[in-house]
C-alpha atoms as a PDB file:
ATOM      1  CA  MET A   1       0.131  -0.070   0.188  1.00  0.00           C
ATOM      2  CA  PHE A   2       2.810   2.301   0.988  1.00  0.00           C
ATOM      3  CA  GLY A   3       5.240   2.476  -1.827  1.00  0.00           C
ATOM      4  CA  ARG A   4       9.108   2.397  -1.122  1.00  0.00           C
ATOM      5  CA  ARG A   5      11.677   3.262  -4.101  1.00  0.00           C
ATOM      6  CA  GLN A   6      14.954   1.607  -3.694  1.00  0.00           C
ATOM      7  CA  LYS A   7      17.937   3.805  -3.506  1.00  0.00           C
ATOM      8  CA  PRO A   8      21.270   4.245  -3.001  1.00  0.00           C
ATOM      9  CA  PRO A   9      21.771   6.312   0.372  1.00  0.00           C
ATOM     10  CA  THR A  10      22.193  10.203  -0.859  1.00  0.00           C
ATOM     11  CA  THR A  11      26.094  10.763   0.022  1.00  0.00           C
ATOM     12  CA  PRO A  12      25.473  15.062   0.649  1.00  0.00           C
ATOM     13  CA  ASP A  13      25.912  18.065  -1.296  1.00  0.00           C
ATOM     14  CA  VAL A  14      26.650  20.189   1.575  1.00  0.00           C
ATOM     15  CA  PRO A  15      29.619  20.409   3.293  1.00  0.00           C
ATOM     16  CA  GLU A  16      30.207  19.846   6.872  1.00  0.00           C
ATOM     17  CA  PRO A  17      30.555  23.392   8.871  1.00  0.00           C
ATOM     18  CA  ARG A  18      34.224  24.727   9.937  1.00  0.00           C
ATOM     19  CA  GLY A  19      35.205  27.032  12.817  1.00  0.00           C
ATOM     20  CA  SER A  20      37.715  27.866  15.559  1.00  0.00           C
ATOM     21  CA  ALA A  21      35.981  26.767  18.322  1.00  0.00           C
ATOM     22  CA  PRO A  22      33.787  23.462  19.331  1.00  0.00           C
ATOM     23  CA  ASP A  23      30.368  23.894  19.823  1.00  0.00           C
ATOM     24  CA  ALA A  24      26.627  22.369  18.911  1.00  0.00           C
ATOM     25  CA  GLY A  25      27.640  21.305  15.582  1.00  0.00           C
ATOM     26  CA  ASP A  26      30.715  19.871  16.784  1.00  0.00           C
ATOM     27  CA  ALA A  27      28.197  17.837  18.902  1.00  0.00           C
ATOM     28  CA  THR A  28      26.072  16.505  16.340  1.00  0.00           C
ATOM     29  CA  ARG A  29      29.282  15.391  14.687  1.00  0.00           C
ATOM     30  CA  VAL A  30      30.038  13.627  17.697  1.00  0.00           C
ATOM     31  CA  LEU A  31      26.742  12.179  18.175  1.00  0.00           C
ATOM     32  CA  ALA A  32      26.660  10.370  14.400  1.00  0.00           C
ATOM     33  CA  GLU A  33      30.714   9.399  15.812  1.00  0.00           C
ATOM     34  CA  LEU A  34      29.515   7.555  17.789  1.00  0.00           C
ATOM     35  CA  LEU A  35      25.994   6.200  16.845  1.00  0.00           C
ATOM     36  CA  ALA A  36      28.700   5.093  13.765  1.00  0.00           C
ATOM     37  CA  ARG A  37      30.832   2.944  16.160  1.00  0.00           C
ATOM     38  CA  PRO A  38      28.777   1.884  19.129  1.00  0.00           C
ATOM     39  CA  THR A  39      32.099   0.374  21.074  1.00  0.00           C
ATOM     40  CA  GLN A  40      33.662   1.169  24.015  1.00  0.00           C
ATOM     41  CA  GLU A  41      37.451   2.028  21.580  1.00  0.00           C
ATOM     42  CA  GLY A  42      35.096   3.724  19.363  1.00  0.00           C
ATOM     43  CA  ILE A  43      32.918   5.761  22.302  1.00  0.00           C
ATOM     44  CA  LEU A  44      36.000   7.243  23.741  1.00  0.00           C
ATOM     45  CA  GLU A  45      38.500   7.967  21.280  1.00  0.00           C
ATOM     46  CA  ALA A  46      34.683  10.638  19.922  1.00  0.00           C
ATOM     47  CA  ALA A  47      35.048  11.470  22.997  1.00  0.00           C
ATOM     48  CA  LEU A  48      38.631  12.282  23.149  1.00  0.00           C
ATOM     49  CA  ALA A  49      39.195  14.345  19.836  1.00  0.00           C
ATOM     50  CA  TYR A  50      35.890  16.374  21.402  1.00  0.00           C
ATOM     51  CA  ALA A  51      37.459  17.168  24.498  1.00  0.00           C
ATOM     52  CA  ALA A  52      40.675  17.576  22.220  1.00  0.00           C
ATOM     53  CA  ARG A  53      38.992  20.214  20.989  1.00  0.00           C
ATOM     54  CA  LEU A  54      37.164  22.296  23.820  1.00  0.00           C
ATOM     55  CA  LEU A  55      41.182  22.276  25.003  1.00  0.00           C
ATOM     56  CA  GLY A  56      41.998  23.956  22.376  1.00  0.00           C
ATOM     57  CA  GLY A  57      43.987  21.795  20.388  1.00  0.00           C
ATOM     58  CA  GLY A  58      47.821  20.453  20.405  1.00  0.00           C
ATOM     59  CA  VAL A  59      47.067  17.855  22.863  1.00  0.00           C
ATOM     60  CA  SER A  60      47.070  14.308  23.284  1.00  0.00           C
ATOM     61  CA  ALA A  61      45.149  12.173  25.515  1.00  0.00           C
ATOM     62  CA  TYR A  62      44.115   8.095  26.630  1.00  0.00           C
ATOM     63  CA  ALA A  63      41.187   6.991  27.809  1.00  0.00           C
ATOM     64  CA  ILE A  64      41.415   4.643  31.117  1.00  0.00           C
ATOM     65  CA  VAL A  65      39.160   1.741  31.581  1.00  0.00           C
ATOM     66  CA  ARG A  66      38.418  -0.317  35.026  1.00  0.00           C
ATOM     67  CA  ARG A  67      38.039  -3.662  34.708  1.00  0.00           C
ATOM     68  CA  GLY A  68      38.997  -5.191  37.374  1.00  0.00           C
ATOM     69  CA  GLN A  69      42.607  -3.461  36.518  1.00  0.00           C
ATOM     70  CA  ASP A  70      42.720   0.262  35.128  1.00  0.00           C
ATOM     71  CA  ARG A  71      44.028  -0.679  31.071  1.00  0.00           C
ATOM     72  CA  VAL A  72      43.652   1.881  28.223  1.00  0.00           C
ATOM     73  CA  GLY A  73      40.553   1.740  26.547  1.00  0.00           C
ATOM     74  CA  ALA A  74      41.349   4.565  23.198  1.00  0.00           C
ATOM     75  CA  VAL A  75      44.228   6.846  22.595  1.00  0.00           C
ATOM     76  CA  HIS A  76      44.211  10.107  20.499  1.00  0.00           C
ATOM     77  CA  GLY A  77      47.463  11.500  19.466  1.00  0.00           C
ATOM     78  CA  TYR A  78      49.162   8.542  21.242  1.00  0.00           C
ATOM     79  CA  SER A  79      49.883   4.292  19.524  1.00  0.00           C
ATOM     80  CA  LYS A  80      47.525   2.504  19.418  1.00  0.00           C
ATOM     81  CA  ALA A  81      50.631   0.427  21.057  1.00  0.00           C
ATOM     82  CA  LEU A  82      49.156   1.453  24.593  1.00  0.00           C
ATOM     83  CA  LEU A  83      45.638   0.071  23.879  1.00  0.00           C
ATOM     84  CA  GLY A  84      45.246  -2.866  26.476  1.00  0.00           C
ATOM     85  CA  VAL A  85      47.834  -1.645  28.429  1.00  0.00           C
ATOM     86  CA  ALA A  86      46.990  -1.811  33.049  1.00  0.00           C
ATOM     87  CA  LEU A  87      48.875   0.751  34.012  1.00  0.00           C
ATOM     88  CA  SER A  88      48.289   2.956  37.582  1.00  0.00           C
ATOM     89  CA  GLY A  89      47.877   6.668  37.618  1.00  0.00           C
ATOM     90  CA  PRO A  90      46.112  10.181  38.772  1.00  0.00           C
ATOM     91  CA  TRP A  91      43.288   9.091  38.349  1.00  0.00           C
ATOM     92  CA  SER A  92      42.655   6.627  41.147  1.00  0.00           C
ATOM     93  CA  SER A  93      41.483   9.936  43.316  1.00  0.00           C
ATOM     94  CA  MET A  94      38.209  10.674  41.491  1.00  0.00           C
ATOM     95  CA  ARG A  95      38.619  13.887  40.997  1.00  0.00           C
ATOM     96  CA  THR A  96      39.396  16.394  38.571  1.00  0.00           C
ATOM     97  CA  ARG A  97      43.740  17.147  38.320  1.00  0.00           C
ATOM     98  CA  LEU A  98      45.616  19.479  36.500  1.00  0.00           C
ATOM     99  CA  LEU A  99      49.198  18.559  37.163  1.00  0.00           C
ATOM    100  CA  SER A 100      52.291  20.756  36.468  1.00  0.00           C
ATOM    101  CA  ASP A 101      55.154  18.198  36.599  1.00  0.00           C
ATOM    102  CA  GLY A 102      53.558  16.223  33.381  1.00  0.00           C
ATOM    103  CA  ALA A 103      53.388  12.912  33.859  1.00  0.00           C
ATOM    104  CA  ARG A 104      55.903  11.944  36.675  1.00  0.00           C
ATOM    105  CA  GLU A 105      53.250  10.383  39.107  1.00  0.00           C
ATOM    106  CA  LEU A 106      52.074   7.859  35.881  1.00  0.00           C
ATOM    107  CA  TYR A 107      55.942   7.089  36.134  1.00  0.00           C
ATOM    108  CA  ASP A 108      56.572   6.957  39.780  1.00  0.00           C
ATOM    109  CA  GLN A 109      53.101   4.249  39.592  1.00  0.00           C
ATOM    110  CA  ASN A 110      54.552   2.265  36.798  1.00  0.00           C
ATOM    111  CA  LEU A 111      56.503  -0.292  36.661  1.00  0.00           C
ATOM    112  CA  PRO A 112      60.029  -0.118  34.485  1.00  0.00           C
ATOM    113  CA  ASP A 113      58.568  -1.571  31.320  1.00  0.00           C
ATOM    114  CA  THR A 114      55.870   0.045  31.453  1.00  0.00           C
ATOM    115  CA  GLN A 115      57.278   3.245  31.758  1.00  0.00           C
ATOM    116  CA  ALA A 116      59.824   1.978  28.297  1.00  0.00           C
ATOM    117  CA  LEU A 117      56.921   1.701  26.477  1.00  0.00           C
ATOM    118  CA  LEU A 118      55.192   5.171  28.247  1.00  0.00           C
ATOM    119  CA  THR A 119      58.246   6.386  26.799  1.00  0.00           C
ATOM    120  CA  GLU A 120      58.398   5.341  23.483  1.00  0.00           C
ATOM    121  CA  CYS A 121      55.215   6.757  22.839  1.00  0.00           C
ATOM    122  CA  GLY A 122      56.261   9.926  23.597  1.00  0.00           C
ATOM    123  CA  MET A 123      55.103  10.418  27.508  1.00  0.00           C
ATOM    124  CA  GLN A 124      58.239  11.222  29.011  1.00  0.00           C
ATOM    125  CA  ALA A 125      58.402  14.896  27.610  1.00  0.00           C
ATOM    126  CA  VAL A 126      54.910  16.111  28.810  1.00  0.00           C
ATOM    127  CA  THR A 127      54.613  19.348  30.930  1.00  0.00           C
ATOM    128  CA  LEU A 128      50.575  19.688  31.635  1.00  0.00           C
ATOM    129  CA  SER A 129      48.449  16.587  31.902  1.00  0.00           C
ATOM    130  CA  LEU A 130      44.571  17.327  32.666  1.00  0.00           C
ATOM    131  CA  VAL A 131      43.098  14.126  34.476  1.00  0.00           C
ATOM    132  CA  VAL A 132      39.281  13.906  34.583  1.00  0.00           C
ATOM    133  CA  PRO A 133      37.956  10.661  36.076  1.00  0.00           C
ATOM    134  CA  VAL A 134      34.534   9.365  34.503  1.00  0.00           C
ATOM    135  CA  SER A 135      31.946   8.050  36.829  1.00  0.00           C
ATOM    136  CA  ASP A 136      28.081   7.288  36.142  1.00  0.00           C
ATOM    137  CA  ARG A 137      26.128   7.941  39.562  1.00  0.00           C
ATOM    138  CA  GLY A 138      28.951   7.191  42.088  1.00  0.00           C
ATOM    139  CA  ARG A 139      30.088   4.669  39.935  1.00  0.00           C
ATOM    140  CA  TYR A 140      34.054   5.031  38.708  1.00  0.00           C
ATOM    141  CA  VAL A 141      34.272   3.927  35.260  1.00  0.00           C
ATOM    142  CA  GLY A 142      37.714   5.456  33.974  1.00  0.00           C
ATOM    143  CA  ALA A 143      39.210   7.864  33.542  1.00  0.00           C
ATOM    144  CA  MET A 144      40.235  10.562  30.022  1.00  0.00           C
ATOM    145  CA  VAL A 145      43.769  11.811  30.967  1.00  0.00           C
ATOM    146  CA  PHE A 146      45.342  14.848  28.572  1.00  0.00           C
ATOM    147  CA  ASP A 147      48.935  15.700  27.997  1.00  0.00           C
ATOM    148  CA  ARG A 148      50.576  19.307  26.361  1.00  0.00           C
ATOM    149  CA  THR A 149      53.969  18.897  25.583  1.00  0.00           C
ATOM    150  CA  GLY A 150      54.614  22.453  25.744  1.00  0.00           C
ATOM    151  CA  PRO A 151      53.541  25.697  27.428  1.00  0.00           C
ATOM    152  CA  GLU A 152      50.323  26.182  27.062  1.00  0.00           C
ATOM    153  CA  GLY A 153      48.043  25.580  29.928  1.00  0.00           C
ATOM    154  CA  VAL A 154      43.712  25.160  30.229  1.00  0.00           C
ATOM    155  CA  THR A 155      41.710  27.733  31.619  1.00  0.00           C
ATOM    156  CA  PRO A 156      39.393  26.991  34.292  1.00  0.00           C
ATOM    157  CA  SER A 157      36.408  27.272  31.525  1.00  0.00           C
ATOM    158  CA  ALA A 158      38.514  25.150  29.170  1.00  0.00           C
ATOM    159  CA  GLN A 159      38.503  21.807  31.769  1.00  0.00           C
ATOM    160  CA  GLU A 160      34.794  22.863  33.460  1.00  0.00           C
ATOM    161  CA  ALA A 161      33.913  22.153  29.584  1.00  0.00           C
ATOM    162  CA  VAL A 162      36.133  19.040  29.604  1.00  0.00           C
ATOM    163  CA  THR A 163      34.451  17.631  33.014  1.00  0.00           C
ATOM    164  CA  ARG A 164      31.348  18.017  31.800  1.00  0.00           C
ATOM    165  CA  TRP A 165      31.653  16.488  29.052  1.00  0.00           C
ATOM    166  CA  ALA A 166      33.376  13.573  30.883  1.00  0.00           C
ATOM    167  CA  ALA A 167      29.890  13.726  32.736  1.00  0.00           C
ATOM    168  CA  ALA A 168      27.665  13.065  29.526  1.00  0.00           C
ATOM    169  CA  ILE A 169      29.629  10.257  28.133  1.00  0.00           C
ATOM    170  CA  ALA A 170      29.704   8.260  31.561  1.00  0.00           C
ATOM    171  CA  PRO A 171      26.503   6.513  30.962  1.00  0.00           C
ATOM    172  CA  LEU A 172      26.978   4.750  27.990  1.00  0.00           C
ATOM    173  CA  LEU A 173      30.328   2.696  29.535  1.00  0.00           C
ATOM    174  CA  GLY A 174      29.090   0.938  31.675  1.00  0.00           C
ATOM    175  CA  ILE A 175      27.002  -0.681  29.659  1.00  0.00           C
ATOM    176  CA  LEU A 176      27.995  -1.695  25.839  1.00  0.00           C
ATOM    177  CA  ASP A 177      27.820  -5.352  27.313  1.00  0.00           C
ATOM    178  CA  SER A 178      24.076  -5.608  26.112  1.00  0.00           C
ATOM    179  CA  ARG A 179      22.966  -4.426  22.787  1.00  0.00           C
ATOM    180  CA  GLU A 180      19.620  -2.896  23.791  1.00  0.00           C
ATOM    181  CA  ASP A 181      21.342  -0.532  27.116  1.00  0.00           C
ATOM    182  CA  TRP A 182      23.318  -0.195  23.565  1.00  0.00           C
ATOM    183  CA  LYS A 183      20.246   1.063  21.877  1.00  0.00           C
ATOM    184  CA  HIS A 184      18.788   2.684  25.130  1.00  0.00           C
ATOM    185  CA  ALA A 185      22.136   4.932  25.481  1.00  0.00           C
ATOM    186  CA  ALA A 186      22.388   5.583  21.822  1.00  0.00           C
ATOM    187  CA  ARG A 187      18.459   7.090  21.559  1.00  0.00           C
ATOM    188  CA  GLN A 188      19.185   9.030  25.352  1.00  0.00           C
ATOM    189  CA  ILE A 189      22.322  10.931  23.821  1.00  0.00           C
ATOM    190  CA  THR A 190      20.314  11.895  20.645  1.00  0.00           C
ATOM    191  CA  GLY A 191      18.048  13.062  22.304  1.00  0.00           C
ATOM    192  CA  ALA A 192      19.691  14.807  24.629  1.00  0.00           C
ATOM    193  CA  VAL A 193      21.716  16.696  21.653  1.00  0.00           C
ATOM    194  CA  VAL A 194      18.272  17.517  19.755  1.00  0.00           C
ATOM    195  CA  GLU A 195      17.957  19.181  23.122  1.00  0.00           C
ATOM    196  CA  ALA A 196      20.431  21.295  23.364  1.00  0.00           C
ATOM    197  CA  VAL A 197      20.036  22.188  19.515  1.00  0.00           C
ATOM    198  CA  GLU A 198      16.154  23.565  20.472  1.00  0.00           C
ATOM    199  CA  SER A 199      16.876  25.199  23.438  1.00  0.00           C
ATOM    200  CA  ARG A 200      18.797  27.924  21.053  1.00  0.00           C
ATOM    201  CA  GLU A 201      15.286  28.658  20.196  1.00  0.00           C
ATOM    202  CA  PHE A 202      12.623  28.377  23.025  1.00  0.00           C
ATOM    203  CA  ASP A 203       9.593  28.023  20.730  1.00  0.00           C
ATOM    204  CA  ALA A 204      10.854  24.320  19.406  1.00  0.00           C
ATOM    205  CA  LEU A 205      11.695  22.550  22.545  1.00  0.00           C
ATOM    206  CA  GLY A 206       9.773  19.459  22.378  1.00  0.00           C
ATOM    207  CA  HIS A 207       9.645  19.235  18.713  1.00  0.00           C
ATOM    208  CA  ALA A 208      11.592  16.648  18.085  1.00  0.00           C
ATOM    209  CA  GLN A 209       9.757  14.655  20.878  1.00  0.00           C
ATOM    210  CA  SER A 210       7.137  15.046  19.334  1.00  0.00           C
ATOM    211  CA  VAL A 211       7.225  14.766  15.576  1.00  0.00           C
ATOM    212  CA  ALA A 212       8.850  10.916  16.562  1.00  0.00           C
ATOM    213  CA  ASP A 213       5.733  10.357  19.043  1.00  0.00           C
ATOM    214  CA  ILE A 214       3.544  10.685  16.333  1.00  0.00           C
ATOM    215  CA  SER A 215       5.980   9.389  13.518  1.00  0.00           C
ATOM    216  CA  LEU A 216       6.501   6.177  15.053  1.00  0.00           C
ATOM    217  CA  LYS A 217       2.567   6.013  15.831  1.00  0.00           C
ATOM    218  CA  LEU A 218       1.246   6.571  12.356  1.00  0.00           C
ATOM    219  CA  GLY A 219       4.373   3.728  12.041  1.00  0.00           C
ATOM    220  CA  ALA A 220       3.230   0.718  13.064  1.00  0.00           C
ATOM    221  CA  GLN A 221      -0.303   1.867  11.586  1.00  0.00           C
ATOM    222  CA  ILE A 222       1.569   0.945   8.623  1.00  0.00           C
ATOM    223  CA  GLY A 223       2.552  -2.065   9.402  1.00  0.00           C
ATOM    224  CA  LEU A 224       6.873  -1.119  10.048  1.00  0.00           C
ATOM    225  CA  ALA A 225       8.278  -3.567  11.628  1.00  0.00           C
ATOM    226  CA  ASP A 226      10.659  -3.274  14.879  1.00  0.00           C
ATOM    227  CA  ARG A 227      13.633  -2.433  12.796  1.00  0.00           C
ATOM    228  CA  GLU A 228      12.052   0.139  10.876  1.00  0.00           C
ATOM    229  CA  LEU A 229      10.298   2.542  13.506  1.00  0.00           C
ATOM    230  CA  GLU A 230      13.922   2.322  15.058  1.00  0.00           C
ATOM    231  CA  GLU A 231      15.119   3.825  12.186  1.00  0.00           C
ATOM    232  CA  LEU A 232      12.092   5.882  11.382  1.00  0.00           C
ATOM    233  CA  TRP A 233      12.514   7.042  15.032  1.00  0.00           C
ATOM    234  CA  TYR A 234      16.237   8.227  14.538  1.00  0.00           C
ATOM    235  CA  ALA A 235      14.562   9.972  11.370  1.00  0.00           C
ATOM    236  CA  ALA A 236      11.748  12.351  13.393  1.00  0.00           C
ATOM    237  CA  THR A 237      13.879  13.206  16.434  1.00  0.00           C
ATOM    238  CA  MET A 238      17.130  14.366  14.332  1.00  0.00           C
ATOM    239  CA  HIS A 239      14.832  15.625  11.231  1.00  0.00           C
ATOM    240  CA  ASP A 240      15.361  19.772  11.986  1.00  0.00           C
ATOM    241  CA  ILE A 241      18.763  19.060  14.510  1.00  0.00           C
ATOM    242  CA  GLY A 242      20.890  20.739  10.912  1.00  0.00           C
ATOM    243  CA  LYS A 243      19.084  23.954  11.640  1.00  0.00           C
ATOM    244  CA  ILE A 244      21.950  24.619  14.250  1.00  0.00           C
ATOM    245  CA  HIS A 245      23.192  25.895  11.263  1.00  0.00           C
ATOM    246  CA  GLY A 246      20.328  27.831  10.187  1.00  0.00           C
ATOM    247  CA  GLU A 247      17.317  26.905   9.272  1.00  0.00           C
ATOM    248  CA  ALA A 248      18.333  27.274   5.342  1.00  0.00           C
ATOM    249  CA  GLY A 249      19.406  24.207   3.862  1.00  0.00           C
ATOM    250  CA  HIS A 250      18.788  22.843   7.607  1.00  0.00           C
ATOM    251  CA  ALA A 251      17.635  19.625   5.575  1.00  0.00           C
ATOM    252  CA  LEU A 252      20.753  18.519   3.688  1.00  0.00           C
ATOM    253  CA  VAL A 253      22.691  19.850   6.627  1.00  0.00           C
ATOM    254  CA  GLY A 254      21.199  18.004   9.609  1.00  0.00           C
ATOM    255  CA  ALA A 255      21.520  14.137   6.582  1.00  0.00           C
ATOM    256  CA  ASN A 256      24.503  15.407   6.354  1.00  0.00           C
ATOM    257  CA  PHE A 257      25.075  14.818   9.848  1.00  0.00           C
ATOM    258  CA  LEU A 258      24.532  11.142   9.178  1.00  0.00           C
ATOM    259  CA  HIS A 259      26.429  10.310   6.444  1.00  0.00           C
ATOM    260  CA  GLY A 260      28.483   7.179   7.024  1.00  0.00           C
ATOM    261  CA  VAL A 261      26.207   5.759   9.814  1.00  0.00           C
ATOM    262  CA  GLY A 262      25.341   2.691   7.531  1.00  0.00           C
ATOM    263  CA  HIS A 263      22.849   0.997   9.241  1.00  0.00           C
ATOM    264  CA  LEU A 264      20.631   4.413   9.568  1.00  0.00           C
ATOM    265  CA  SER A 265      21.025   5.202   5.746  1.00  0.00           C
ATOM    266  CA  GLU A 266      16.883   4.880   5.390  1.00  0.00           C
ATOM    267  CA  ALA A 267      16.997   8.129   8.815  1.00  0.00           C
ATOM    268  CA  GLN A 268      19.225  10.483   6.529  1.00  0.00           C
ATOM    269  CA  ARG A 269      17.602   9.699   3.226  1.00  0.00           C
ATOM    270  CA  ALA A 270      14.421  10.793   5.224  1.00  0.00           C
ATOM    271  CA  VAL A 271      15.827  13.409   7.330  1.00  0.00           C
ATOM    272  CA  ARG A 272      17.325  15.254   3.481  1.00  0.00           C
ATOM    273  CA  HIS A 273      13.569  15.272   1.781  1.00  0.00           C
ATOM    274  CA  HIS A 274      11.217  15.544   4.943  1.00  0.00           C
ATOM    275  CA  HIS A 275      10.775  19.213   2.734  1.00  0.00           C
ATOM    276  CA  GLU A 276      10.220  17.277  -0.205  1.00  0.00           C
ATOM    277  CA  ARG A 277       5.778  18.346  -1.773  1.00  0.00           C
ATOM    278  CA  TRP A 278       3.518  15.411  -2.830  1.00  0.00           C
ATOM    279  CA  ASP A 279       3.948  17.564  -5.673  1.00  0.00           C
ATOM    280  CA  GLY A 280       7.096  18.146  -6.626  1.00  0.00           C
ATOM    281  CA  GLN A 281       7.118  21.465  -5.382  1.00  0.00           C
ATOM    282  CA  GLY A 282       9.575  20.818  -2.554  1.00  0.00           C
ATOM    283  CA  GLU A 283      12.892  20.876  -1.404  1.00  0.00           C
ATOM    284  CA  PRO A 284      16.117  19.896  -1.855  1.00  0.00           C
ATOM    285  CA  ASP A 285      15.388  17.799  -4.900  1.00  0.00           C
ATOM    286  CA  LYS A 286      12.196  18.650  -6.186  1.00  0.00           C
ATOM    287  CA  LEU A 287      10.979  14.770  -5.856  1.00  0.00           C
ATOM    288  CA  ALA A 288       7.079  13.877  -6.029  1.00  0.00           C
ATOM    289  CA  GLY A 289       5.174  11.173  -4.845  1.00  0.00           C
ATOM    290  CA  GLU A 290       6.123   7.943  -3.834  1.00  0.00           C
ATOM    291  CA  ASP A 291      10.055   9.102  -4.931  1.00  0.00           C
ATOM    292  CA  ILE A 292      10.081  10.789  -1.845  1.00  0.00           C
ATOM    293  CA  PRO A 293      11.143   8.030   0.673  1.00  0.00           C
ATOM    294  CA  LEU A 294       8.469   6.555   3.170  1.00  0.00           C
ATOM    295  CA  TYR A 295      10.157   7.741   6.310  1.00  0.00           C
ATOM    296  CA  ALA A 296      10.194  11.455   5.009  1.00  0.00           C
ATOM    297  CA  ARG A 297       6.385  11.660   4.223  1.00  0.00           C
ATOM    298  CA  ILE A 298       5.562  10.357   7.506  1.00  0.00           C
ATOM    299  CA  VAL A 299       8.673  13.199   9.043  1.00  0.00           C
ATOM    300  CA  ALA A 300       6.392  15.117   7.003  1.00  0.00           C
ATOM    301  CA  VAL A 301       3.199  14.776   8.048  1.00  0.00           C
ATOM    302  CA  ALA A 302       3.407  14.203  12.164  1.00  0.00           C
ATOM    303  CA  ASN A 303       6.260  17.601  11.665  1.00  0.00           C
ATOM    304  CA  ALA A 304       3.007  19.488   9.918  1.00  0.00           C
ATOM    305  CA  TYR A 305       0.492  18.141  12.256  1.00  0.00           C
ATOM    306  CA  VAL A 306       2.446  19.048  15.543  1.00  0.00           C
ATOM    307  CA  ARG A 307       3.353  22.722  13.722  1.00  0.00           C
ATOM    308  CA  MET A 308       0.249  23.151  12.856  1.00  0.00           C
ATOM    309  CA  GLY A 309      -1.865  22.280  15.438  1.00  0.00           C
ATOM    310  CA  GLY A 310      -4.739  20.540  13.844  1.00  0.00           C
ATOM    311  CA  LEU A 311      -6.078  17.800  11.513  1.00  0.00           C
ATOM    312  CA  GLU A 312      -7.714  20.346   9.442  1.00  0.00           C
ATOM    313  CA  ARG A 313      -5.059  21.909   8.647  1.00  0.00           C
ATOM    314  CA  VAL A 314      -3.002  19.587   7.867  1.00  0.00           C
ATOM    315  CA  ARG A 315      -6.091  17.602   6.317  1.00  0.00           C
ATOM    316  CA  ALA A 316      -5.554  21.027   3.532  1.00  0.00           C
ATOM    317  CA  GLN A 317      -3.138  19.675   2.801  1.00  0.00           C
ATOM    318  CA  ALA A 318      -3.301  16.333   1.501  1.00  0.00           C
ATOM    319  CA  GLY A 319      -2.539  14.932  -1.557  1.00  0.00           C
ATOM    320  CA  ARG A 320      -0.264  18.593  -2.447  1.00  0.00           C
ATOM    321  CA  GLY A 321       2.459  18.901   0.158  1.00  0.00           C
ATOM    322  CA  LEU A 322       1.349  15.173   2.047  1.00  0.00           C
ATOM    323  CA  ASP A 323       1.092  11.766   1.098  1.00  0.00           C
ATOM    324  CA  GLN A 324      -3.042  11.563   1.662  1.00  0.00           C
ATOM    325  CA  ARG A 325      -2.556   7.754   2.458  1.00  0.00           C
ATOM    326  CA  ILE A 326      -0.772   8.850   5.131  1.00  0.00           C
ATOM    327  CA  VAL A 327      -2.728  11.797   6.432  1.00  0.00           C
ATOM    328  CA  ALA A 328      -5.859   9.193   6.516  1.00  0.00           C
ATOM    329  CA  GLN A 329      -3.552   7.346   8.594  1.00  0.00           C
ATOM    330  CA  LEU A 330      -3.250  10.383  10.384  1.00  0.00           C
ATOM    331  CA  GLU A 331      -6.889  10.673  11.714  1.00  0.00           C
ATOM    332  CA  LYS A 332      -6.959   7.164  12.785  1.00  0.00           C
ATOM    333  CA  LEU A 333      -5.181   8.022  15.256  1.00  0.00           C
ATOM    334  CA  ASP A 334      -6.454   8.701  18.863  1.00  0.00           C
ATOM    335  CA  LEU A 335      -4.345  12.335  19.306  1.00  0.00           C
END
């Protein structure tokens, strides 16, 4: 009943915006990386890279994870020879510390063989270290350590930002052994980033959640499978995330954030095409009818209902801007 034209994933044609300092746009790119690599190392690598940008760059870093013994779980700027190495170090106090004597404590607490490896990786040249513990509801799960070899310091605001970032990623680290828990965590962090985008415009707060709720009801009603509903949720939740860089072209920018997240390729297409119109007068590609991806048509109807605030206005767009069959399904919902 509801046609789905099979097309290869769209390659975004809008370059990623560049900036000199991290902002919510950087956070959305980190989100895409986390969704693309739902593993402990993938999460930690993305987290270290983003925190390094918060510190202004020019740092190498490693993450410690606690599983019986503290071990290196990810690196940024250091050799991967460190991965899996058991280490003792200045993170055991469970508080953020700025060490002006570089890696001295790290060397003092480890055996000669380990010290030799640290030297091979360049840690003897460290002049300053920022140690940030990672804990979830009081449970210590690891730490992130950021090292400088030059004269630059760490400002209090940058230190606070990294500490907040460590707290944000902490809940993800203890639940990666369970796929269902990972899905739940991925949804949580997606929702948090979307809320950060919406908070820039007070009237938009809660919009994505409302669109997602209605989209899932529509998807279930037309018979989408659980896996399809999962991807539809991401499409609906992230449909306006491109607005972090302004209203113009936000569908393309939003789709760009999901480029490379293979298991969300249909969500990417939905984000790109949710402003197409059934009559072919939409954007960005002027697709018409069933050439518009199904998820995009569902999100468009849900989005129209949330924005217009009533069925009558949505009905007026049926067969013109919106798929009239999905509008008919909307009328059957208990809203």
